[in-house]
Amino acid sequence: MMKSTHDSPILVTGAAGAIGAIGRNLAAMLLAKGHNVRALVRREDERADALRRLGAEVVHRAIEGCARIYFGMSVSALYLEATVNTAAVARHHLAPCRQRRALRRI
């Protein structure tokens, strides 16, 4: 029996970010809807603790076991390398999900 993507954690990058708080708000919304959230943070601080209190799994290395990723960085020249790196890692690690047709594009 294939594991439901609703049961697999959803990786949210920038989950503790202060600028715009997109990742933090997205993590809170997904948790409120009953999804398992894996929150990628750069450092352990009060923002990481707040995500834990919401119910997120907070990690520094995060993609293993996830079926979806929400990459919450803004589009800019400064973040281009991070975007490319995330896409390459996702393509490599999420390929088995695509083969099972469990990965959906939104």
Foldseek 3Di string as FASTA:
>chain_A
DDDALQAFAEEEECCLPDVVNPNVVVLLVSVVVPGAYEYADDDDDVSQVVSVVSPHNYDNDDDPRHQHYDYPDDDDPVCPVVVVVVVVVCCVRNVVCVVVVNHDDD
